[in-house]
Amino acid sequence: MQWSDALGKVHHRYQGKPRIVSLVPSLTELLVALGLAEDLVGRTGFCIHPRQVVRQVPKLGGTKGFDVDKLRALQPTHVLVNIDENRREEVEALASFVPQLIVTHPLTAHDNLELYRLLGGVFGREMQAATLCADFARAWTALDEFSASLPRQRVLYLIWRDPWLGVARDTYISHMLAAAGWDTLPLASTARYPEIDLPMLAREAEVVFLSSEPYPFRVQHQRELATLLPDTRIELIDGELVSWYGSRAIAGLRYLRELRAHLTQGLLPAGPG
């Protein structure tokens, strides 16, 4: 058996005991969900889930600007990276001493299925990957059936302030929101995370979402914007559950169903788990 990563590189089942470094928070969490916690030898400081497990794994810095010498000393057999989250030049520098670089780039919710199969296959965790695929399918169906009964809405999803940054429609975040019946603004953008004219786009949006990451929007920001945009609904949203792919995407789909129900029917959304 063989599997291809986001760059089309073919990976085969690893026959020995792997030593895995993950430079992507979502992938670190996915490795644990696949039963590979003991094989995880390095992570970034942003790899925080599940906390009780990753606290035992050495930190190498950030997703960008990680410590190459520390990484080299860990003698990894595999390093997991992502096109959006890691710098290309830093990843390319690893190729001289890392036997296997696995490059990921999920852009839609369904890309998670191939991600589960890729890592599950390479590291001999096909059964765990199949379980994740089944859980994902159930969560997707529940969200799809629920959102199909509701009118689609235009929303503005903010990830930063000073300047205001949103998300383009070719991003994973936008695709996740679209599954709940929320179409993100702007309609078109050459940048994946564009700087936006907030007052103008807010007039077109039925809801403005303030994400909890990367900018930590809180209740005070919601109140400030409610004053600035009195005719627009302003809501906080859990950024991890919307933007983290991997195993967290399953909880993310459930969360989006409950959040859409909350905004439509007054039901309370639940967190992950």
Protein backbone atom coordinates (compact mmCIF):
# COMPACT_ATOMS: atom_id res chain seq x y z
CA MET A 1 0.00 0.00 0.00
CA GLN A 2 1.05 3.58 -0.62
CA TRP A 3 -0.37 7.02 0.05
CA SER A 4 0.34 10.46 -1.41
CA ASP A 5 0.75 13.69 0.52
CA ALA A 6 -0.27 17.22 -0.54
CA LEU A 7 2.73 17.54 -2.88
CA GLY A 8 2.03 14.20 -4.52
CA LYS A 9 4.96 12.52 -2.79
CA VAL A 10 4.34 8.82 -2.30
CA HIS A 11 4.70 7.39 1.20
CA HIS A 12 4.75 3.71 2.13
CA ARG A 13 4.01 1.89 5.36
CA TYR A 14 6.86 2.49 7.78
CA GLN A 15 8.23 -0.81 8.97
CA GLY A 16 10.21 0.26 12.02
CA LYS A 17 9.32 2.18 15.14
CA PRO A 18 8.76 5.78 14.02
CA ARG A 19 10.10 8.89 15.65
CA ILE A 20 7.65 11.61 14.63
CA VAL A 21 8.00 15.38 14.89
CA SER A 22 4.84 17.37 14.25
CA LEU A 23 5.19 21.04 13.37
CA VAL A 24 1.42 21.51 13.08
CA PRO A 25 -0.94 21.68 16.10
CA SER A 26 -3.84 19.97 14.33
CA LEU A 27 -1.63 17.10 13.22
CA THR A 28 -0.17 16.63 16.70
CA GLU A 29 -3.68 16.15 18.05
CA LEU A 30 -4.50 13.78 15.19
CA LEU A 31 -1.43 11.65 15.89
CA VAL A 32 -2.61 11.16 19.45
CA ALA A 33 -6.10 10.25 18.24
CA LEU A 34 -4.51 7.62 15.99
CA GLY A 35 -2.75 6.06 18.98
CA LEU A 36 0.71 7.40 18.13
CA ALA A 37 1.44 9.41 21.28
CA GLU A 38 4.42 7.22 22.21
CA ASP A 39 5.98 7.81 18.79
CA LEU A 40 5.70 11.60 19.00
CA VAL A 41 9.16 12.96 19.90
CA GLY A 42 8.81 16.67 19.09
CA ARG A 43 6.19 19.39 18.67
CA THR A 44 5.71 23.15 18.51
CA GLY A 45 4.72 25.32 21.43
CA PHE A 46 1.34 25.78 19.75
CA CYS A 47 0.65 22.04 19.83
CA ILE A 48 -1.46 22.15 22.99
CA HIS A 49 -4.01 19.35 22.55
CA PRO A 50 -4.48 16.99 24.23
CA ARG A 51 -2.73 18.80 27.05
CA GLN A 52 -2.13 15.83 29.34
CA VAL A 53 -0.28 14.04 26.54
CA VAL A 54 1.66 16.74 24.72
CA ARG A 55 3.11 18.26 27.88
CA GLN A 56 5.50 15.29 27.91
CA VAL A 57 6.73 15.97 24.37
CA PRO A 58 9.70 18.34 23.80
CA LYS A 59 8.87 21.74 22.30
CA LEU A 60 10.88 23.05 19.35
CA GLY A 61 9.56 26.60 19.10
CA GLY A 62 6.79 27.83 16.82
CA THR A 63 5.31 26.58 13.58
CA LYS A 64 7.56 29.20 12.03
CA GLY A 65 11.07 29.74 13.33
CA PHE A 66 11.36 26.34 15.02
CA ASP A 67 14.74 25.23 16.36
CA VAL A 68 16.34 23.16 13.62
CA ASP A 69 19.24 21.99 15.80
CA LYS A 70 16.88 20.66 18.46
CA LEU A 71 14.83 18.97 15.79
CA ARG A 72 17.92 17.35 14.26
CA ALA A 73 19.02 16.06 17.67
CA LEU A 74 15.72 14.19 18.03
CA GLN A 75 16.65 12.08 14.97
CA PRO A 76 13.11 11.92 13.60
CA THR A 77 12.11 9.40 10.98
CA HIS A 78 9.18 11.62 9.95
CA VAL A 79 8.36 15.32 10.18
CA LEU A 80 4.79 16.48 9.57
CA VAL A 81 4.28 19.95 8.08
CA ASN A 82 1.57 22.06 6.47
CA ILE A 83 1.75 24.38 3.47
CA ASP A 84 -0.12 27.22 5.19
CA GLU A 85 1.35 26.92 8.68
CA ASN A 86 5.06 26.35 8.03
CA ARG A 87 7.54 28.37 5.97
CA ARG A 88 8.60 26.66 2.77
CA GLU A 89 12.27 27.54 3.12
CA GLU A 90 12.41 26.17 6.67
CA VAL A 91 10.76 22.93 5.63
CA GLU A 92 13.05 22.53 2.62
CA ALA A 93 16.06 22.86 4.94
CA LEU A 94 14.91 19.72 6.77
CA ALA A 95 15.12 17.54 3.66
CA SER A 96 18.88 17.05 4.05
CA PHE A 97 18.53 15.04 7.26
CA VAL A 98 14.88 14.00 7.72
CA PRO A 99 14.12 10.69 5.97
CA GLN A 100 10.43 11.44 5.43
CA LEU A 101 8.74 14.84 5.21
CA ILE A 102 4.95 14.51 5.05
CA VAL A 103 3.35 17.68 3.63
CA THR A 104 -0.33 18.38 4.28
CA HIS A 105 -2.74 20.99 2.95
CA PRO A 106 -6.41 20.27 3.69
CA LEU A 107 -8.63 22.89 2.08
CA THR A 108 -12.07 21.37 2.55
CA ALA A 109 -13.72 19.46 5.35
CA HIS A 110 -13.66 16.24 3.31
CA ASP A 111 -9.90 16.51 2.88
CA ASN A 112 -9.76 15.24 6.47
CA LEU A 113 -10.71 11.77 5.26
CA GLU A 114 -7.59 11.49 3.10
CA LEU A 115 -5.54 12.95 5.95
CA TYR A 116 -6.78 10.23 8.32
CA ARG A 117 -6.00 7.54 5.75
CA LEU A 118 -2.56 8.97 4.92
CA LEU A 119 -1.27 9.07 8.49
CA GLY A 120 -3.15 5.93 9.51
CA GLY A 121 -1.64 4.05 6.57
CA VAL A 122 1.94 5.29 6.92
CA PHE A 123 2.04 4.49 10.63
CA GLY A 124 -0.04 1.29 10.63
CA ARG A 125 -3.14 2.74 12.27
CA GLU A 126 -5.72 1.87 9.61
CA MET A 127 -8.35 0.77 12.12
CA GLN A 128 -8.10 4.00 14.08
CA ALA A 129 -8.23 5.97 10.81
CA ALA A 130 -11.35 4.08 9.73
CA THR A 131 -13.02 4.93 13.04
CA LEU A 132 -12.24 8.61 12.53
CA CYS A 133 -13.62 8.45 8.99
CA ALA A 134 -16.86 6.91 10.26
CA ASP A 135 -17.18 9.50 13.02
CA PHE A 136 -16.56 12.27 10.50
CA ALA A 137 -19.18 10.89 8.12
CA ARG A 138 -21.81 10.83 10.87
CA ALA A 139 -21.02 14.38 11.97
CA TRP A 140 -21.04 15.61 8.37
CA THR A 141 -24.38 13.99 7.60
CA ALA A 142 -25.98 15.46 10.71
CA LEU A 143 -24.74 18.96 9.83
CA ASP A 144 -25.62 18.65 6.16
CA GLU A 145 -29.17 17.47 6.84
CA PHE A 146 -29.74 20.20 9.41
CA SER A 147 -28.31 23.08 7.38
CA ALA A 148 -30.15 21.98 4.23
CA SER A 149 -33.43 22.95 5.90
CA LEU A 150 -32.24 26.51 6.59
CA PRO A 151 -31.65 29.49 4.29
CA ARG A 152 -28.04 30.21 3.41
CA GLN A 153 -26.57 33.31 5.02
CA ARG A 154 -23.67 35.61 4.23
CA VAL A 155 -21.25 35.96 7.10
CA LEU A 156 -18.05 37.81 7.86
CA TYR A 157 -15.45 35.80 9.78
CA LEU A 158 -12.81 37.99 11.42
CA ILE A 159 -9.44 36.56 12.44
CA TRP A 160 -7.58 39.81 13.28
CA ARG A 161 -7.98 43.48 14.10
CA ASP A 162 -5.74 46.49 13.32
CA PRO A 163 -6.05 45.72 10.47
CA TRP A 164 -9.27 43.78 10.13
CA LEU A 165 -8.59 40.46 8.41
CA GLY A 166 -11.14 37.99 7.12
CA VAL A 167 -11.00 34.70 5.21
CA ALA A 168 -11.27 34.02 1.49
CA ARG A 169 -13.58 31.38 0.09
CA ASP A 170 -10.74 29.01 -0.83
CA THR A 171 -9.75 28.50 2.81
CA TYR A 172 -10.51 25.55 5.06
CA ILE A 173 -12.38 27.87 7.45
CA SER A 174 -14.68 29.09 4.71
CA HIS A 175 -15.43 25.54 3.58
CA MET A 176 -16.28 24.49 7.12
CA LEU A 177 -18.65 27.43 7.53
CA ALA A 178 -20.23 26.69 4.16
CA ALA A 179 -21.15 23.23 5.43
CA ALA A 180 -23.33 24.96 8.02
CA GLY A 181 -24.97 27.15 5.39
CA TRP A 182 -22.76 30.19 5.99
CA ASP A 183 -21.13 31.77 2.93
CA THR A 184 -18.18 33.96 3.83
CA LEU A 185 -17.45 37.47 2.63
CA PRO A 186 -15.70 38.82 0.64
CA LEU A 187 -17.10 36.99 -2.39
CA ALA A 188 -13.73 37.11 -4.14
CA SER A 189 -10.20 37.81 -2.97
CA THR A 190 -6.68 37.34 -4.31
CA ALA A 191 -5.42 36.97 -0.72
CA ARG A 192 -6.45 33.99 1.33
CA TYR A 193 -6.69 36.12 4.49
CA PRO A 194 -7.57 39.55 3.10
CA GLU A 195 -7.59 42.91 4.80
CA ILE A 196 -11.18 44.12 4.66
CA ASP A 197 -13.29 47.24 4.86
CA LEU A 198 -15.25 46.23 7.95
CA PRO A 199 -18.13 48.76 7.82
CA MET A 200 -18.73 48.06 4.12
CA LEU A 201 -18.71 44.26 4.31
CA ALA A 202 -20.61 44.20 7.58
CA ARG A 203 -23.54 45.81 5.77
CA GLU A 204 -23.66 42.77 3.47
CA ALA A 205 -23.35 40.21 6.28
CA GLU A 206 -26.16 38.72 8.31
CA VAL A 207 -23.68 37.71 11.01
CA VAL A 208 -20.16 38.90 11.87
CA PHE A 209 -18.15 36.19 13.62
CA LEU A 210 -15.27 37.07 15.94
CA SER A 211 -12.92 34.10 16.09
CA SER A 212 -11.11 33.11 19.27
CA GLU A 213 -7.90 32.66 17.26
CA PRO A 214 -5.45 33.75 16.00
CA TYR A 215 -6.63 37.05 17.48
CA PRO A 216 -8.25 36.31 20.86
CA PHE A 217 -11.57 38.08 20.36
CA ARG A 218 -13.55 38.24 23.59
CA VAL A 219 -16.83 39.62 24.92
CA GLN A 220 -15.45 43.14 25.19
CA HIS A 221 -14.65 43.13 21.48
CA GLN A 222 -18.13 41.86 20.73
CA ARG A 223 -19.57 44.77 22.70
CA GLU A 224 -17.31 47.29 20.96
CA LEU A 225 -18.37 46.08 17.52
CA ALA A 226 -22.02 45.98 18.51
CA THR A 227 -21.71 49.71 19.20
CA LEU A 228 -19.81 50.33 15.97
CA LEU A 229 -22.19 48.18 13.90
CA PRO A 230 -25.58 48.48 15.63
CA ASP A 231 -27.51 46.92 12.73
CA THR A 232 -25.33 43.81 12.47
CA ARG A 233 -25.40 40.66 14.57
CA ILE A 234 -22.01 40.10 16.23
CA GLU A 235 -21.18 36.63 17.55
CA LEU A 236 -18.15 34.97 19.11
CA ILE A 237 -17.04 31.69 17.56
CA ASP A 238 -14.55 29.01 18.63
CA GLY A 239 -11.67 29.34 16.18
CA GLU A 240 -10.08 26.02 17.07
CA LEU A 241 -13.25 24.11 16.23
CA VAL A 242 -13.59 25.88 12.88
CA SER A 243 -9.97 26.08 11.71
CA TRP A 244 -8.30 22.98 13.16
CA TYR A 245 -8.45 20.05 10.79
CA GLY A 246 -7.61 16.46 11.76
CA SER A 247 -9.53 14.76 14.55
CA ARG A 248 -10.85 18.10 15.86
CA ALA A 249 -12.80 18.56 12.64
CA ILE A 250 -15.30 15.97 13.86
CA ALA A 251 -16.04 18.02 16.97
CA GLY A 252 -15.99 21.10 14.73
CA LEU A 253 -18.81 19.79 12.55
CA ARG A 254 -20.89 18.99 15.63
CA TYR A 255 -20.15 22.43 17.05
CA LEU A 256 -21.21 24.18 13.84
CA ARG A 257 -24.50 22.29 13.83
CA GLU A 258 -25.20 23.35 17.40
CA LEU A 259 -24.05 26.93 16.77
CA ARG A 260 -26.32 27.24 13.73
CA ALA A 261 -29.18 25.85 15.83
CA HIS A 262 -28.35 28.32 18.60
CA LEU A 263 -28.41 31.31 16.28
CA THR A 264 -31.55 30.06 14.56
CA GLN A 265 -33.56 28.56 17.41
CA GLY A 266 -31.97 29.83 20.62
CA LEU A 267 -30.29 26.54 21.54
CA LEU A 268 -26.97 26.58 23.35
CA PRO A 269 -23.87 25.35 21.48
CA ALA A 270 -21.58 22.81 23.15
CA GLY A 271 -17.82 22.76 23.10
CA PRO A 272 -15.54 19.93 21.86
CA GLY A 273 -15.78 16.42 23.19
